[in-house]
Amino acid sequence: MIKELKNPLTDNYKYLKNIILTKKIAWYYHNKTNLSKDQDIDFFSHALLSRPQHENNGIQVPAVSSPNSIYFEKCYFILKEILDFNNINFDVVYRMNLNLTLHNTLKESLPHTDLNLPHKVLIIYLNKFKNGKTIVLDKNNKKFYSNPKEDGVIVFDGKLLHYHETPELHEKRFVMVANFQ
């Protein structure tokens, strides 16, 4: 269900991780992880590659993603290094995002999918934190938990609902998320 991948910990990865974990990157506030009207955790994000848009001014258009950050190419290259190192081929990257979650009284986000099209979800845990597991639900709502550790990488089928725990008080949960096929 959740597959752990090996992170080659290249110099490119270490350099970019240092940028992400310092004050050199802009973070944007969101009051929920999905479009649900239900109460959800808030978080900060930095969009690297925007979600594919299916509509432009009310007109249906082909799904198109677009780079949204000066760090996109560096992050894409790191994603490619990790997937190549694990012998995983891909045809397209639909979305890439950096997420920063702080402690929250709700303790976990709402179950959601990232996209409404076939894809895989890859998550890189960029720092160390106690809580902050990713939980994936199978078709029978059985829960599968990640074992987040700094520099750990997981991948799972994007059609499955997933969510995550919030970190402990005074901790931060930094992750890079990529949706690809």
Foldseek 3Di string as FASTA:
>chain_A
DKDWFDQPPDPLVVVVLVCVPDPNDDWAKDQADDDDPDHWHIWIKDWQKDAFDQDDPRHGDPTDIGGDDPCNVSVVVSVVVRCVVRVHDFDDWRTKMKIKFADDPVFKGDWDFDDPDWWKKKKFFAAAFDFKWKWWQDPVGDTDTDDDDHRIMIMDTRVTTMMIGHTDHPDMTIMMMIITD
